[in-house]
């Protein structure tokens, strides 16, 4: 039998190696729970003297003083001045989940304080990403004297200049990459400002909703210092953590440090179902249990995003701020329907984009563009193309505005900072607008600049991409026999969560096994029943794998040979008795 770490070329062409130390659990499948969790923490970069803090992450252990961030205190003071003077405040959010949750968080906080702030979410198709000068000026003329932008604004130079000329104060709360020059604002709170101190910059992985939560902490502290609450209790900020968890996970922020604590505690708040809108969304998603981290990314988040992608951009904020159960149920049903429409549109654009891949096989960065592509799904398609090719991908909808320009969205691979490259491309005159962060970006481009941009990105990023791909291997956390894949093991592994980008879920190799059954389920999922020499069997599934090399080999090429299957161990709770199953990411021959 070939050991798992002797595999140099799996069915998907990868080598396998341990993430940390050797965790071959052999035939027993048992290991002391704390020892197993310790190994998982160490292999994710936790130092031995910091283990206890990471076993059960809490805000007490991870929350920084908000004042370490530039402009945080001035932002809190300006908002508190507006509260004291009963000024009209508008929260201007982005149209994705991070923007919706950030806006909802500040609106709910201000409501608890006694202030009714109005939301403004731009239309993706008509207004595009970020604050527009026209919208800011209009809001000012309608009576808003303070506008707080969330999840946008870091690169909105012209829009903020227009707002300043109109005499309205704008506070920017963002997390996207900044240029060396900053736009004109009353305050700009962003851990990715180039002039941030090291302590603040260490939190550059926070989503905008995480920064909004820190601003909420600073606001309550400032109001308390002014004696605003008197004998009244201050708002309970912990109740807002369900929004923070949802926005953080849906924005694919790295779940390390403070983010992991925010999501861990936010999931507990979400399980209490105190937010009427979130409770209705959970029901509409047909979840009959407390949501998990995976549910935030694959069930709840996509529904809220659907409003901004193919429907009414403000639906998400309305849902997350309503106190009316009937309205919450109606909006949740509408978002679920829009999500189904989004899937159909996405499939059409993905097929058209994939048809262009072959012509770009020599490109370091996939730059795919087409007429009639819905701008609301190009980010999702870019992520799919990235996964399919293993390269950063830009997907651009041409004729996306009245001037005939293209609107694009990009997704990157680990080790390649696509956001910084797009900002540099804008500064080099290749883009009308552009920005983002390491793993994702957005841009506006003249069609004539598509080829020059692709050439420029190849020259700038080819070496980084080559290095990232050469070093790629499937990292394993433990291996075991089929008999060791049990619900108890899954529950033990989950205690090291929550898992996501930057804090990967434990990857288990199970084998050796033979496939008793292997067929298609749905359109492109590979379903299996695998059995080992110990007579134990388990269910496994490889999602969206039917057309991959691995999927084709599993379906047609194993011929009774022994295999290792590697992926995430999950609980199958559809049967009468919960059982462990494997969500397969890769497979390799074991003989």
Protein backbone atom coordinates (compact mmCIF):
# COMPACT_ATOMS: atom_id res chain seq x y z
CA UNK A 1 0.00 0.00 0.00
CA UNK A 2 1.22 3.50 -0.85
CA UNK A 3 1.28 5.78 2.24
CA UNK A 4 -0.63 9.03 1.85
CA UNK A 5 2.46 11.23 1.98
CA UNK A 6 4.24 9.13 -0.65
CA UNK A 7 1.65 10.30 -3.19
CA UNK A 8 3.35 12.57 -5.71
CA UNK A 9 0.56 12.71 -8.29
CA UNK A 10 -3.05 12.26 -7.27
CA UNK A 11 -5.95 11.86 -9.69
CA UNK A 12 -6.04 15.66 -9.90
CA UNK A 13 -2.27 15.88 -10.39
CA UNK A 14 -1.22 17.01 -6.91
CA UNK A 15 1.29 15.80 -4.38
CA UNK A 16 0.02 15.12 -0.85
CA UNK A 17 1.81 16.08 2.32
CA UNK A 18 1.11 16.72 5.99
CA UNK A 19 0.01 20.21 6.98
CA UNK A 20 1.76 19.80 10.31
CA UNK A 21 3.20 16.66 11.90
CA UNK A 22 2.39 13.08 10.97
CA UNK A 23 -1.19 12.36 12.02
CA UNK A 24 -1.63 8.84 10.71
CA UNK A 25 -4.23 7.42 13.08
CA UNK A 26 -4.01 3.98 11.51
CA UNK A 27 -6.83 1.57 11.91
CA UNK A 28 -8.20 2.78 15.22
CA UNK A 29 -9.31 6.22 14.09
CA UNK A 30 -9.06 7.36 17.69
CA UNK A 31 -6.88 9.99 19.28
CA UNK A 32 -7.20 11.97 22.48
CA UNK A 33 -9.42 14.92 21.63
CA UNK A 34 -7.25 17.63 23.14
CA UNK A 35 -4.11 16.22 21.49
CA UNK A 36 -5.82 16.19 18.12
CA UNK A 37 -7.05 19.78 18.55
CA UNK A 38 -3.60 20.87 19.71
CA UNK A 39 -2.07 19.47 16.53
CA UNK A 40 -4.67 21.24 14.38
CA UNK A 41 -3.96 24.57 16.09
CA UNK A 42 -0.19 24.19 15.80
CA UNK A 43 -0.43 23.31 12.11
CA UNK A 44 -2.40 26.52 11.53
CA UNK A 45 0.38 28.69 12.91
CA UNK A 46 -0.58 29.01 16.58
CA UNK A 47 2.50 29.15 18.80
CA UNK A 48 2.70 26.64 21.67
CA UNK A 49 2.46 29.39 24.30
CA UNK A 50 -0.74 30.79 22.71
CA UNK A 51 -2.75 27.58 22.41
CA UNK A 52 -5.29 28.21 25.17
CA UNK A 53 -6.37 31.54 23.70
CA UNK A 54 -7.12 29.87 20.35
CA UNK A 55 -8.92 26.79 21.67
CA UNK A 56 -12.02 28.85 22.46
CA UNK A 57 -11.58 32.29 20.85
CA UNK A 58 -13.36 35.12 22.67
CA UNK A 59 -13.55 38.86 22.14
CA UNK A 60 -12.04 39.37 25.58
CA UNK A 61 -8.85 37.78 24.30
CA UNK A 62 -8.75 39.17 20.75
CA UNK A 63 -10.56 42.53 20.54
CA UNK A 64 -8.10 45.43 20.12
CA UNK A 65 -8.58 48.96 21.36
CA UNK A 66 -10.39 50.64 18.43
CA UNK A 67 -8.26 53.74 18.98
CA UNK A 68 -5.23 52.02 17.42
CA UNK A 69 -6.78 52.68 13.98
CA UNK A 70 -6.20 56.04 12.36
CA UNK A 71 -9.28 58.30 12.32
CA UNK A 72 -11.31 55.91 14.49
CA UNK A 73 -11.63 58.33 17.38
CA UNK A 74 -12.43 61.29 15.12
CA UNK A 75 -15.06 59.17 13.32
CA UNK A 76 -16.66 58.22 16.64
CA UNK A 77 -16.64 61.83 17.85
CA UNK A 78 -18.24 63.12 14.64
CA UNK A 79 -20.99 60.49 14.80
CA UNK A 80 -21.60 61.25 18.48
CA UNK A 81 -21.84 64.95 17.67
CA UNK A 82 -24.46 64.08 15.05
CA UNK A 83 -26.35 61.98 17.59
CA UNK A 84 -26.31 64.83 20.12
CA UNK A 85 -27.54 67.33 17.52
CA UNK A 86 -30.09 64.90 16.07
CA UNK A 87 -28.60 65.32 12.60
CA UNK A 88 -29.82 63.28 9.67
CA UNK A 89 -27.40 60.40 9.12
CA UNK A 90 -27.24 58.18 6.03
CA UNK A 91 -25.40 54.86 5.99
CA UNK A 92 -24.16 54.26 2.44
CA UNK A 93 -23.36 50.57 1.94
CA UNK A 94 -22.08 48.34 -0.81
CA UNK A 95 -24.56 45.96 -2.43
CA UNK A 96 -22.91 42.72 -1.25
CA UNK A 97 -23.30 40.86 2.06
CA UNK A 98 -20.41 42.68 3.72
CA UNK A 99 -21.94 46.03 2.76
CA UNK A 100 -25.43 45.00 3.82
CA UNK A 101 -24.34 43.65 7.20
CA UNK A 102 -22.09 46.67 7.84
CA UNK A 103 -24.92 49.08 7.09
CA UNK A 104 -27.43 47.04 9.12
CA UNK A 105 -25.06 46.95 12.10
CA UNK A 106 -24.69 50.73 12.27
CA UNK A 107 -28.40 51.32 11.61
CA UNK A 108 -29.38 48.92 14.41
CA UNK A 109 -26.83 50.48 16.77
CA UNK A 110 -28.12 53.98 16.10
CA UNK A 111 -31.72 52.78 16.48
CA UNK A 112 -30.85 51.39 19.93
CA UNK A 113 -29.38 54.78 20.79
CA UNK A 114 -32.54 56.57 19.60
CA UNK A 115 -31.47 57.76 16.15
CA UNK A 116 -33.16 56.69 12.91
CA UNK A 117 -30.47 56.49 10.23
CA UNK A 118 -31.47 55.88 6.63
CA UNK A 119 -29.73 53.30 4.45
CA UNK A 120 -28.58 53.91 0.89
CA UNK A 121 -27.47 50.98 -1.26
CA UNK A 122 -26.51 51.83 -4.86
CA UNK A 123 -27.95 49.91 -7.78
CA UNK A 124 -25.23 47.61 -9.17
CA UNK A 125 -26.25 48.12 -12.80
CA UNK A 126 -27.20 51.80 -12.79
CA UNK A 127 -24.66 53.20 -10.31
CA UNK A 128 -21.92 50.58 -10.01
CA UNK A 129 -19.60 49.96 -7.09
CA UNK A 130 -18.83 52.55 -4.47
CA UNK A 131 -20.20 55.98 -3.65
CA UNK A 132 -21.01 58.23 -6.60
CA UNK A 133 -20.71 61.99 -6.37
CA UNK A 134 -24.22 62.37 -7.76
CA UNK A 135 -25.72 60.19 -5.02
CA UNK A 136 -23.76 61.87 -2.21
CA UNK A 137 -24.75 65.33 -3.37
CA UNK A 138 -28.39 64.28 -3.71
CA UNK A 139 -28.41 62.82 -0.19
CA UNK A 140 -26.90 66.07 1.15
CA UNK A 141 -29.55 68.17 -0.59
CA UNK A 142 -32.26 65.90 0.84
CA UNK A 143 -31.04 66.76 4.33
CA UNK A 144 -28.26 64.41 5.32
CA UNK A 145 -25.44 66.27 7.04
CA UNK A 146 -23.42 63.13 7.76
CA UNK A 147 -22.92 60.15 5.44
CA UNK A 148 -21.06 57.04 6.57
CA UNK A 149 -19.90 54.79 3.74
CA UNK A 150 -19.31 51.15 4.64
CA UNK A 151 -17.41 48.57 2.56
CA UNK A 152 -16.67 51.26 -0.03
CA UNK A 153 -15.10 54.67 -0.40
CA UNK A 154 -11.38 54.00 0.01
CA UNK A 155 -10.72 54.94 -3.63
CA UNK A 156 -13.71 57.27 -4.25
CA UNK A 157 -11.68 60.44 -4.90
CA UNK A 158 -14.07 62.25 -7.23
CA UNK A 159 -17.22 61.31 -5.32
CA UNK A 160 -15.87 62.45 -1.96
CA UNK A 161 -14.54 65.65 -3.48
CA UNK A 162 -18.05 66.38 -4.77
CA UNK A 163 -19.51 65.69 -1.33
CA UNK A 164 -16.96 67.99 0.29
CA UNK A 165 -17.81 70.75 -2.17
CA UNK A 166 -21.47 70.31 -1.25
CA UNK A 167 -20.60 70.76 2.45
CA UNK A 168 -21.60 67.30 3.70
CA UNK A 169 -19.32 65.29 5.98
CA UNK A 170 -18.45 61.78 4.83
CA UNK A 171 -16.90 59.12 7.04
CA UNK A 172 -15.41 56.14 5.19
CA UNK A 173 -15.35 52.72 6.89
CA UNK A 174 -13.68 50.29 4.53
CA UNK A 175 -11.18 47.44 4.30
CA UNK A 176 -10.16 47.51 0.63
CA UNK A 177 -6.67 48.41 -0.54
CA UNK A 178 -5.79 52.08 -0.37
CA UNK A 179 -3.57 54.18 -2.59
CA UNK A 180 -0.78 56.32 -1.12
CA UNK A 181 -3.05 59.33 -1.50
CA UNK A 182 -6.39 59.24 0.35
CA UNK A 183 -9.69 60.77 -0.76
CA UNK A 184 -11.09 63.80 1.04
CA UNK A 185 -13.17 62.65 4.02
CA UNK A 186 -14.07 63.71 7.54
CA UNK A 187 -12.49 60.42 8.63
CA UNK A 188 -11.24 57.34 6.80
CA UNK A 189 -11.13 54.19 8.92
CA UNK A 190 -9.40 51.33 7.15
CA UNK A 191 -6.81 48.84 8.46
CA UNK A 192 -5.28 48.76 4.96
CA UNK A 193 -4.32 52.41 4.89
CA UNK A 194 -0.67 52.58 3.89
CA UNK A 195 0.03 54.95 6.81
CA UNK A 196 -1.44 52.61 9.47
CA UNK A 197 0.69 51.54 12.41
CA UNK A 198 1.84 47.91 12.53
CA UNK A 199 -0.63 47.02 15.30
CA UNK A 200 -3.59 48.23 13.24
CA UNK A 201 -2.26 46.87 9.95
CA UNK A 202 -2.14 43.42 11.53
CA UNK A 203 -5.95 43.51 11.33
CA UNK A 204 -5.96 44.08 7.58
CA UNK A 205 -7.83 40.80 7.10
CA UNK A 206 -10.97 42.19 8.77
CA UNK A 207 -14.08 42.55 6.62
CA UNK A 208 -15.83 45.92 6.55
CA UNK A 209 -18.41 44.62 9.02
CA UNK A 210 -15.60 43.87 11.46
CA UNK A 211 -14.42 47.46 11.16
CA UNK A 212 -18.02 48.66 11.58
CA UNK A 213 -18.23 46.67 14.81
CA UNK A 214 -15.02 48.29 16.11
CA UNK A 215 -16.50 51.68 15.21
CA UNK A 216 -19.62 50.72 17.19
CA UNK A 217 -17.41 49.96 20.19
CA UNK A 218 -15.72 53.36 19.80
CA UNK A 219 -19.10 55.16 19.49
CA UNK A 220 -20.54 53.58 22.63
CA UNK A 221 -17.35 54.33 24.53
CA UNK A 222 -17.44 57.98 23.41
CA UNK A 223 -21.11 58.34 24.35
CA UNK A 224 -20.49 56.73 27.72
CA UNK A 225 -17.64 59.19 28.32
CA UNK A 226 -20.01 62.07 27.55
CA UNK A 227 -22.56 60.76 30.06
CA UNK A 228 -25.06 60.23 27.26
CA UNK A 229 -26.68 57.11 28.72
CA UNK A 230 -27.05 58.38 32.29
CA UNK A 231 -28.68 55.62 34.28
CA UNK A 232 -29.81 53.80 31.12
CA UNK A 233 -27.89 50.73 29.95
CA UNK A 234 -25.74 51.17 26.86
CA UNK A 235 -26.63 49.11 23.77
CA UNK A 236 -25.59 45.45 23.97
CA UNK A 237 -23.03 45.23 21.18
CA UNK A 238 -22.75 41.45 21.51
CA UNK A 239 -26.22 41.18 19.95
CA UNK A 240 -24.77 42.58 16.71
CA UNK A 241 -22.25 39.78 16.31
CA UNK A 242 -24.58 37.64 14.20
CA UNK A 243 -24.31 40.33 11.52
CA UNK A 244 -20.53 40.42 11.91
CA UNK A 245 -20.27 36.64 11.49
CA UNK A 246 -22.43 36.64 8.35
CA UNK A 247 -20.60 39.50 6.65
CA UNK A 248 -17.15 38.17 7.54
CA UNK A 249 -17.76 34.67 6.22
CA UNK A 250 -19.68 35.78 3.12
CA UNK A 251 -16.86 38.19 2.20
CA UNK A 252 -14.38 35.29 2.43
CA UNK A 253 -12.26 37.14 4.98
CA UNK A 254 -9.49 35.16 6.62
CA UNK A 255 -10.77 33.44 9.75
CA UNK A 256 -7.77 34.03 11.93
CA UNK A 257 -7.26 36.00 15.12
CA UNK A 258 -10.03 38.53 15.74
CA UNK A 259 -12.13 37.33 12.79
CA UNK A 260 -12.24 33.82 14.21
CA UNK A 261 -13.40 35.17 17.57
CA UNK A 262 -16.05 37.38 15.92
CA UNK A 263 -17.45 34.50 13.88
CA UNK A 264 -17.28 32.00 16.74
CA UNK A 265 -19.25 34.27 19.05
CA UNK A 266 -21.51 35.50 16.25
CA UNK A 267 -22.67 31.97 15.47
CA UNK A 268 -23.78 31.63 19.10
CA UNK A 269 -25.80 34.86 18.82
CA UNK A 270 -27.32 33.73 15.52
CA UNK A 271 -28.47 30.47 17.13
CA UNK A 272 -30.62 32.56 19.51
CA UNK A 273 -32.60 33.89 16.50
CA UNK A 274 -32.99 37.38 17.99
CA UNK A 275 -32.61 39.14 14.64
CA UNK A 276 -36.04 38.79 13.05
CA UNK A 277 -34.70 39.06 9.51
CA UNK A 278 -31.94 36.52 9.99
CA UNK A 279 -34.37 34.09 11.62
CA UNK A 280 -36.67 34.36 8.58
CA UNK A 281 -33.72 33.88 6.22
CA UNK A 282 -32.64 30.75 8.12
CA UNK A 283 -36.16 29.36 7.76
CA UNK A 284 -36.26 30.25 4.05
CA UNK A 285 -32.96 28.38 3.63
CA UNK A 286 -34.64 25.28 5.11
CA UNK A 287 -32.14 24.96 7.91
CA UNK A 288 -33.67 23.04 10.81
CA UNK A 289 -30.73 23.63 13.14
CA UNK A 290 -28.45 26.45 14.22
CA UNK A 291 -26.44 27.73 11.22
CA UNK A 292 -22.81 26.70 10.84
CA UNK A 293 -19.99 28.66 9.28
CA UNK A 294 -20.56 26.76 6.03
CA UNK A 295 -24.23 27.74 6.04
CA UNK A 296 -23.28 31.44 6.19
CA UNK A 297 -21.20 31.09 3.04
CA UNK A 298 -23.39 28.75 1.02
CA UNK A 299 -26.99 29.25 2.19
CA UNK A 300 -27.56 32.64 3.86
CA UNK A 301 -24.93 34.78 2.15
CA UNK A 302 -25.90 33.93 -1.45
CA UNK A 303 -29.53 34.82 -0.77
CA UNK A 304 -28.66 38.29 0.51
CA UNK A 305 -26.20 38.75 -2.34
CA UNK A 306 -28.92 37.84 -4.85
CA UNK A 307 -30.72 41.10 -4.09
CA UNK A 308 -27.69 43.15 -5.06
CA UNK A 309 -26.77 40.92 -7.99
CA UNK A 310 -30.01 40.46 -9.93
CA UNK A 311 -32.76 42.17 -7.92
CA UNK A 312 -33.29 45.13 -5.63
CA UNK A 313 -30.04 46.14 -3.94
CA UNK A 314 -31.66 47.35 -0.71
CA UNK A 315 -33.42 44.05 0.12
CA UNK A 316 -30.55 42.77 2.25
CA UNK A 317 -30.38 45.81 4.51
CA UNK A 318 -34.16 45.93 4.80
CA UNK A 319 -34.23 42.29 5.87
CA UNK A 320 -31.44 42.64 8.41
CA UNK A 321 -32.94 45.75 10.05
CA UNK A 322 -36.67 44.95 10.09
CA UNK A 323 -38.50 44.12 13.30
CA UNK A 324 -41.63 42.97 11.44
CA UNK A 325 -41.80 39.14 11.10
CA UNK A 326 -44.24 39.34 8.18
CA UNK A 327 -41.99 41.70 6.26
CA UNK A 328 -38.98 39.49 7.08
CA UNK A 329 -40.70 36.39 5.70
CA UNK A 330 -41.75 38.22 2.54
CA UNK A 331 -38.26 39.59 1.86
CA UNK A 332 -36.64 36.21 2.60
CA UNK A 333 -38.97 34.50 0.12
CA UNK A 334 -38.17 37.16 -2.49
CA UNK A 335 -34.42 36.75 -1.94
CA UNK A 336 -34.70 32.96 -2.26
CA UNK A 337 -36.48 33.38 -5.60
CA UNK A 338 -33.87 35.87 -6.80
CA UNK A 339 -31.17 33.41 -5.78
CA UNK A 340 -32.69 30.78 -8.08
CA UNK A 341 -32.73 33.32 -10.91
CA UNK A 342 -29.13 34.20 -10.14
CA UNK A 343 -28.09 30.57 -10.50
CA UNK A 344 -29.60 30.32 -13.97
CA UNK A 345 -27.95 33.56 -15.11
CA UNK A 346 -24.65 32.49 -13.58
CA UNK A 347 -24.71 29.18 -15.48
CA UNK A 348 -25.13 30.96 -18.81
CA UNK A 349 -22.26 33.37 -18.16
CA UNK A 350 -20.02 30.60 -16.83
CA UNK A 351 -20.49 28.48 -19.96
CA UNK A 352 -19.68 31.47 -22.17
CA UNK A 353 -16.59 32.33 -20.10
CA UNK A 354 -15.31 28.76 -20.04
CA UNK A 355 -15.50 28.67 -23.84
CA UNK A 356 -12.72 31.32 -23.88
CA UNK A 357 -10.32 29.47 -21.58
CA UNK A 358 -8.60 27.38 -24.23
CA UNK A 359 -7.52 30.46 -26.17
CA UNK A 360 -5.81 31.81 -23.04
CA UNK A 361 -3.99 28.69 -21.83
CA UNK A 362 -0.65 30.54 -21.99
CA UNK A 363 -1.91 33.46 -19.92
CA UNK A 364 -0.87 33.78 -16.28
CA UNK A 365 -4.14 35.58 -15.52
CA UNK A 366 -7.40 34.61 -17.21
CA UNK A 367 -8.99 37.76 -18.70
CA UNK A 368 -12.41 36.74 -20.04
CA UNK A 369 -14.92 39.21 -21.45
CA UNK A 370 -18.25 39.09 -23.22
CA UNK A 371 -21.26 41.09 -24.33
CA UNK A 372 -24.55 40.52 -22.54
CA UNK A 373 -22.94 39.05 -19.42
CA UNK A 374 -24.85 40.10 -16.32
CA UNK A 375 -22.55 42.19 -14.09
CA UNK A 376 -24.25 40.73 -11.02
CA UNK A 377 -22.74 37.27 -11.46
CA UNK A 378 -19.28 37.95 -12.86
CA UNK A 379 -17.63 37.73 -9.42
CA UNK A 380 -19.08 34.27 -8.83
CA UNK A 381 -18.02 33.14 -12.31
CA UNK A 382 -14.51 34.51 -11.76
CA UNK A 383 -14.28 32.36 -8.64
CA UNK A 384 -15.40 29.28 -10.59
CA UNK A 385 -12.86 29.95 -13.36
CA UNK A 386 -10.12 30.41 -10.76
CA UNK A 387 -10.96 27.04 -9.21
CA UNK A 388 -11.11 25.34 -12.62
CA UNK A 389 -7.80 26.73 -13.94
CA UNK A 390 -5.80 27.28 -10.75
CA UNK A 391 -5.04 30.81 -11.97
CA UNK A 392 -6.32 34.28 -11.03
CA UNK A 393 -9.30 35.19 -13.19
CA UNK A 394 -10.95 38.42 -14.34
CA UNK A 395 -14.46 38.18 -15.81
CA UNK A 396 -15.63 41.35 -17.55
CA UNK A 397 -19.12 42.29 -18.69
CA UNK A 398 -18.79 44.49 -21.78
CA UNK A 399 -21.19 47.35 -22.57
CA UNK A 400 -21.98 47.51 -18.84
CA UNK A 401 -22.56 51.26 -18.85
CA UNK A 402 -23.84 53.94 -21.22
CA UNK A 403 -20.31 54.67 -22.44
CA UNK A 404 -19.81 51.05 -23.51
CA UNK A 405 -17.18 50.31 -20.89
CA UNK A 406 -16.66 46.93 -19.27
CA UNK A 407 -17.30 46.16 -15.61
CA UNK A 408 -15.10 43.39 -14.26
CA UNK A 409 -14.61 41.31 -11.16
CA UNK A 410 -11.60 39.20 -10.26
CA UNK A 411 -10.65 36.39 -7.92
CA UNK A 412 -7.10 35.38 -7.05
CA UNK A 413 -5.18 32.40 -5.72
CA UNK A 414 -3.26 32.24 -2.45
CA UNK A 415 0.03 34.10 -2.65
CA UNK A 416 -0.99 36.47 -5.48
CA UNK A 417 -2.19 39.97 -4.52
CA UNK A 418 -4.64 40.77 -7.31
CA UNK A 419 -6.08 43.86 -5.60
CA UNK A 420 -2.70 45.59 -5.45
CA UNK A 421 -2.07 44.76 -9.13
CA UNK A 422 -5.42 46.25 -10.17
CA UNK A 423 -4.73 49.46 -8.23
CA UNK A 424 -1.33 49.67 -9.97
CA UNK A 425 -3.01 49.06 -13.35
CA UNK A 426 -5.39 51.93 -12.67
CA UNK A 427 -2.50 54.20 -11.73
CA UNK A 428 -0.74 53.13 -14.98
CA UNK A 429 -3.75 54.35 -16.98
CA UNK A 430 -5.02 50.93 -18.07
CA UNK A 431 -8.27 51.17 -16.12
CA UNK A 432 -10.94 53.79 -15.60
CA UNK A 433 -11.40 52.58 -12.03
CA UNK A 434 -10.27 49.64 -9.97
CA UNK A 435 -9.50 48.38 -6.49
CA UNK A 436 -9.90 45.48 -4.13
CA UNK A 437 -7.92 43.31 -1.78
CA UNK A 438 -5.51 40.40 -2.13
CA UNK A 439 -8.06 37.78 -3.17
CA UNK A 440 -10.69 39.84 -5.01
CA UNK A 441 -11.02 43.00 -7.08
CA UNK A 442 -13.36 45.09 -9.18
CA UNK A 443 -12.63 47.28 -12.19
CA UNK A 444 -14.00 49.44 -14.99
CA UNK A 445 -12.20 49.28 -18.34
CA UNK A 446 -12.45 50.54 -21.90
CA UNK A 447 -12.79 47.54 -24.27
CA UNK A 448 -9.71 48.64 -26.21
CA UNK A 449 -7.60 48.15 -23.08
CA UNK A 450 -8.44 44.45 -22.56
CA UNK A 451 -5.39 43.05 -24.35
CA UNK A 452 -2.97 45.64 -22.90
CA UNK A 453 -4.32 44.87 -19.41
CA UNK A 454 -3.90 41.11 -19.92
CA UNK A 455 -0.30 41.63 -21.14
CA UNK A 456 0.45 43.97 -18.23
CA UNK A 457 -0.93 41.53 -15.64
CA UNK A 458 1.06 38.67 -17.16
CA UNK A 459 4.26 40.66 -16.90
CA UNK A 460 3.57 41.80 -13.34
CA UNK A 461 2.16 38.60 -11.83
CA UNK A 462 3.58 35.68 -13.86
CA UNK A 463 6.41 34.99 -11.44
CA UNK A 464 4.16 35.15 -8.35
CA UNK A 465 1.60 32.87 -9.98
CA UNK A 466 4.21 30.37 -11.10
CA UNK A 467 5.68 30.21 -7.60
CA UNK A 468 2.26 29.80 -6.01
CA UNK A 469 1.28 26.99 -8.38
CA UNK A 470 4.59 25.11 -8.20
CA UNK A 471 4.37 25.01 -4.42
CA UNK A 472 0.79 23.79 -4.46
CA UNK A 473 0.09 20.52 -2.71
CA UNK A 474 -2.87 18.97 -0.96
CA UNK A 475 -2.25 19.44 2.75
CA UNK A 476 -3.54 16.68 5.05
CA UNK A 477 -4.30 16.91 8.75
CA UNK A 478 -4.82 13.21 9.48
CA UNK A 479 -5.31 9.84 7.83
CA UNK A 480 -7.40 6.92 9.03
CA UNK A 481 -9.18 3.76 7.98
CA UNK A 482 -12.89 3.72 7.06
CA UNK A 483 -13.74 2.53 10.55
CA UNK A 484 -12.23 5.68 12.01
CA UNK A 485 -14.58 8.00 10.11
CA UNK A 486 -17.19 8.45 12.83
CA UNK A 487 -19.59 11.17 14.02
CA UNK A 488 -17.51 11.48 17.21
CA UNK A 489 -14.40 12.27 15.16
CA UNK A 490 -16.28 14.90 13.13
CA UNK A 491 -17.57 16.57 16.29
CA UNK A 492 -14.06 16.62 17.76
CA UNK A 493 -12.60 18.19 14.62
CA UNK A 494 -15.29 20.87 14.54
CA UNK A 495 -14.26 22.15 17.98
CA UNK A 496 -11.15 23.63 16.32
CA UNK A 497 -13.38 25.83 14.14
CA UNK A 498 -14.90 27.93 12.83
CA UNK A 499 -13.12 27.17 9.56
CA UNK A 500 -12.70 29.18 6.39
CA UNK A 501 -10.09 31.04 4.39
CA UNK A 502 -6.93 31.41 6.46
CA UNK A 503 -8.10 28.77 8.93
CA UNK A 504 -8.76 25.73 6.73
CA UNK A 505 -11.01 22.93 7.83
CA UNK A 506 -9.27 19.67 8.73
CA UNK A 507 -8.59 17.57 5.65
CA UNK A 508 -8.83 13.83 6.25
CA UNK A 509 -7.43 11.03 4.06
CA UNK A 510 -9.42 7.81 4.37
CA UNK A 511 -8.17 4.49 3.00
CA UNK A 512 -7.32 2.22 1.53
CA UNK A 513 -10.80 1.77 0.04
CA UNK A 514 -12.49 0.37 -3.02
CA UNK A 515 -15.52 1.99 -4.60
CA UNK A 516 -18.57 -0.16 -4.14
CA UNK A 517 -20.68 2.37 -6.05
CA UNK A 518 -19.89 5.52 -8.02
CA UNK A 519 -22.34 7.54 -10.09
CA UNK A 520 -23.57 11.02 -10.94
CA UNK A 521 -26.01 12.95 -8.81
CA UNK A 522 -27.43 16.26 -9.98
CA UNK A 523 -25.65 17.64 -13.03
CA UNK A 524 -21.98 17.29 -12.07
CA UNK A 525 -21.54 15.82 -8.58
CA UNK A 526 -19.85 12.42 -8.15
CA UNK A 527 -21.48 10.24 -5.50
CA UNK A 528 -19.70 7.23 -3.99
CA UNK A 529 -19.91 4.43 -1.48
CA UNK A 530 -16.44 3.33 -0.40
CA UNK A 531 -15.47 0.24 1.63
CA UNK A 532 -12.22 -0.77 3.29
CA UNK A 533 -10.53 -4.07 4.17
CA UNK A 534 -12.02 -3.76 7.67
CA UNK A 535 -15.49 -4.23 6.18
CA UNK A 536 -16.56 -0.69 7.11
CA UNK A 537 -18.10 1.53 4.44
CA UNK A 538 -19.10 5.19 4.16
CA UNK A 539 -20.72 7.63 1.77
CA UNK A 540 -18.69 10.24 -0.09
CA UNK A 541 -19.39 12.95 -2.60
CA UNK A 542 -17.21 15.15 -4.82
CA UNK A 543 -19.08 18.35 -5.67
CA UNK A 544 -18.85 19.85 -9.19
CA UNK A 545 -16.26 17.20 -10.09
CA UNK A 546 -17.84 15.18 -12.89
CA UNK A 547 -15.93 16.91 -15.70
CA UNK A 548 -12.59 17.07 -13.88
CA UNK A 549 -9.76 14.56 -14.33
CA UNK A 550 -10.42 13.24 -10.84
CA UNK A 551 -14.15 12.91 -11.43
CA UNK A 552 -13.70 11.06 -14.71
CA UNK A 553 -11.18 8.70 -13.13
CA UNK A 554 -13.52 7.92 -10.23
CA UNK A 555 -16.44 7.32 -12.56
CA UNK A 556 -14.63 5.24 -15.16
CA UNK A 557 -11.03 4.47 -14.29
CA UNK A 558 -10.61 2.79 -10.89
CA UNK A 559 -11.45 -0.79 -12.02
CA UNK A 560 -11.49 -2.13 -8.49
CA UNK A 561 -8.14 -0.60 -7.50
CA UNK A 562 -7.54 0.61 -3.95
CA UNK A 563 -7.79 4.34 -3.35
CA UNK A 564 -7.14 7.05 -0.82
CA UNK A 565 -9.97 9.60 -0.63
CA UNK A 566 -9.17 13.01 0.86
CA UNK A 567 -11.51 15.79 1.94
CA UNK A 568 -13.67 17.18 4.74
CA UNK A 569 -15.41 14.83 7.17
CA UNK A 570 -19.04 15.84 7.67
CA UNK A 571 -22.14 14.62 9.45
CA UNK A 572 -24.87 13.22 7.22
CA UNK A 573 -27.96 14.06 9.29
CA UNK A 574 -30.52 13.21 6.61
CA UNK A 575 -30.69 9.56 7.65
CA UNK A 576 -32.53 8.31 10.74
CA UNK A 577 -29.19 7.93 12.50
CA UNK A 578 -26.39 10.50 11.97
CA UNK A 579 -23.40 9.10 10.12
CA UNK A 580 -20.06 10.46 9.01
CA UNK A 581 -19.44 11.04 5.32
CA UNK A 582 -16.57 12.49 3.28
CA UNK A 583 -16.76 15.51 0.99
CA UNK A 584 -14.01 14.55 -1.43
CA UNK A 585 -11.51 17.09 -2.72
CA UNK A 586 -8.98 14.68 -4.21
CA UNK A 587 -8.24 10.98 -4.62
CA UNK A 588 -5.18 8.87 -5.31
CA UNK A 589 -4.40 5.24 -6.01
CA UNK A 590 -3.18 3.34 -2.96
CA UNK A 591 -1.75 0.32 -4.80
